[in-house]
Amino acid sequence: MSKYLISLPIASIAIPLICIAISISLSPWFNIINNALSDLGHATESSVAPIFNFGLSLGGSLTIIIAIIIIARMSKAMTVSMTLTGYGLILIAVLMRFTIGSVDFIFGYQQSSSYSCLYR
């Protein structure tokens, strides 16, 4: 059982990074200087969004599991903060999955009138 507990923290870091790397390699349009990493997870603009968002949500889920199983034995404050961090990763993945095109905030692809004044 302890081998599995040791591999969970490594997997919670490695899986999102691997999915991000795969998404970047499969996206010829992506430029690390001109684009944000979150552009890869955009539901309507990116063909690699499922890979990117799956990596973030799985990494977030593993972080929550680590917080509950391993760190709860050491510190309650760390458990709460890591649970919130994992939940935040999952929310980012869900947000990218269901982004509405008319109110898209990622570098103003399709700006609504309320957001267009921010980018001028």
Protein backbone atom coordinates (compact mmCIF):
# COMPACT_ATOMS: atom_id res chain seq x y z
CA MET A 1 0.00 0.00 0.00
CA SER A 2 2.85 2.43 0.76
CA LYS A 3 4.18 2.17 -2.81
CA TYR A 4 0.87 3.48 -4.09
CA LEU A 5 0.87 6.33 -1.58
CA ILE A 6 4.33 7.40 -2.74
CA SER A 7 3.36 7.32 -6.40
CA LEU A 8 0.23 9.48 -5.96
CA PRO A 9 2.07 12.79 -5.34
CA ILE A 10 4.34 12.12 -8.31
CA ALA A 11 1.35 11.30 -10.53
CA SER A 12 -0.55 14.39 -9.39
CA ILE A 13 2.28 16.55 -10.73
CA ALA A 14 3.34 14.46 -13.72
CA ILE A 15 -0.08 13.80 -15.29
CA PRO A 16 -1.07 17.46 -15.76
CA LEU A 17 2.40 18.34 -17.07
CA ILE A 18 2.38 15.42 -19.51
CA CYS A 19 -1.10 16.36 -20.76
CA ILE A 20 0.00 19.98 -21.19
CA ALA A 21 3.08 18.85 -23.15
CA ILE A 22 0.97 16.58 -25.36
CA SER A 23 -1.49 19.41 -25.97
CA ILE A 24 1.30 21.80 -26.94
CA SER A 25 2.88 19.27 -29.29
CA LEU A 26 -0.45 18.56 -31.01
CA SER A 27 -1.27 22.27 -31.47
CA PRO A 28 0.71 23.82 -34.33
CA TRP A 29 -1.03 27.17 -33.73
CA PHE A 30 0.13 27.41 -30.11
CA ASN A 31 3.04 29.74 -29.36
CA ILE A 32 4.25 29.94 -25.76
CA ILE A 33 5.08 33.64 -26.18
CA ASN A 34 1.78 34.76 -27.76
CA ASN A 35 -0.67 32.38 -26.10
CA ALA A 36 -1.56 31.45 -22.55
CA LEU A 37 -1.60 27.80 -21.52
CA SER A 38 -5.31 28.15 -20.84
CA ASP A 39 -5.84 28.68 -24.59
CA LEU A 40 -5.20 24.97 -24.99
CA GLY A 41 -8.21 24.17 -22.85
CA HIS A 42 -10.66 26.45 -24.63
CA ALA A 43 -13.72 24.39 -25.50
CA THR A 44 -14.55 25.94 -28.89
CA GLU A 45 -11.15 27.22 -30.07
CA SER A 46 -8.84 24.30 -29.31
CA SER A 47 -8.89 20.80 -30.74
CA VAL A 48 -6.76 19.52 -27.84
CA ALA A 49 -9.06 20.84 -25.11
CA PRO A 50 -10.15 17.35 -23.98
CA ILE A 51 -6.53 16.28 -23.38
CA PHE A 52 -5.61 19.51 -21.60
CA ASN A 53 -8.73 19.65 -19.44
CA PHE A 54 -8.56 15.94 -18.59
CA GLY A 55 -4.99 16.40 -17.34
CA LEU A 56 -5.98 19.33 -15.12
CA SER A 57 -9.03 17.60 -13.69
CA LEU A 58 -7.18 14.33 -13.04
CA GLY A 59 -4.30 16.21 -11.41
CA GLY A 60 -6.78 18.10 -9.24
CA SER A 61 -8.55 14.89 -8.26
CA LEU A 62 -5.26 13.23 -7.32
CA THR A 63 -4.28 16.28 -5.26
CA ILE A 64 -7.52 16.00 -3.32
CA ILE A 65 -6.91 12.29 -2.72
CA ILE A 66 -3.37 13.03 -1.50
CA ALA A 67 -4.68 15.72 0.83
CA ILE A 68 -7.27 13.41 2.32
CA ILE A 69 -5.21 10.23 2.63
CA ILE A 70 -1.61 11.28 3.24
CA ILE A 71 -1.44 14.81 4.56
CA ALA A 72 -4.44 14.53 6.89
CA ARG A 73 -2.16 12.48 9.13
CA MET A 74 0.28 15.40 9.42
CA SER A 75 -1.60 18.69 9.32
CA LYS A 76 -5.25 19.68 9.05
CA ALA A 77 -4.33 23.08 7.55
CA MET A 78 -2.33 21.42 4.75
CA THR A 79 -5.24 19.08 4.09
CA VAL A 80 -7.65 21.98 3.68
CA SER A 81 -5.28 23.99 1.48
CA MET A 82 -4.42 21.05 -0.78
CA THR A 83 -8.08 20.09 -1.08
CA LEU A 84 -8.90 23.63 -2.17
CA THR A 85 -5.98 23.59 -4.63
CA GLY A 86 -7.19 20.34 -6.16
CA TYR A 87 -10.74 21.65 -6.33
CA GLY A 88 -9.42 24.80 -8.03
CA LEU A 89 -7.67 22.74 -10.73
CA ILE A 90 -10.90 20.87 -11.39
CA LEU A 91 -12.84 24.16 -11.60
CA ILE A 92 -10.34 25.56 -14.11
CA ALA A 93 -10.79 22.48 -16.29
CA VAL A 94 -14.59 22.73 -16.07
CA LEU A 95 -14.49 26.46 -16.80
CA MET A 96 -12.42 25.86 -19.93
CA ARG A 97 -14.77 23.07 -20.98
CA PHE A 98 -17.92 25.19 -20.80
CA THR A 99 -16.67 28.65 -21.76
CA ILE A 100 -19.33 30.63 -23.59
CA GLY A 101 -17.97 32.13 -26.82
CA SER A 102 -19.62 35.54 -26.54
CA VAL A 103 -18.16 36.25 -23.11
CA ASP A 104 -14.76 34.67 -23.70
CA PHE A 105 -12.07 36.25 -21.59
CA ILE A 106 -9.03 34.46 -23.00
CA PHE A 107 -7.09 37.21 -24.76
CA GLY A 108 -10.32 38.59 -26.21
CA TYR A 109 -11.00 36.11 -29.01
CA GLN A 110 -14.65 37.17 -29.08
CA GLN A 111 -15.12 40.15 -26.86
CA SER A 112 -18.49 41.21 -25.65
CA SER A 113 -19.14 44.94 -25.45
CA SER A 114 -18.61 44.99 -21.68
CA TYR A 115 -15.14 43.44 -21.99
CA SER A 116 -13.95 45.27 -25.11
CA CYS A 117 -13.24 48.46 -23.17
CA LEU A 118 -10.70 46.56 -21.03
CA TYR A 119 -8.54 45.64 -24.02
CA ARG A 120 -8.27 49.05 -25.72
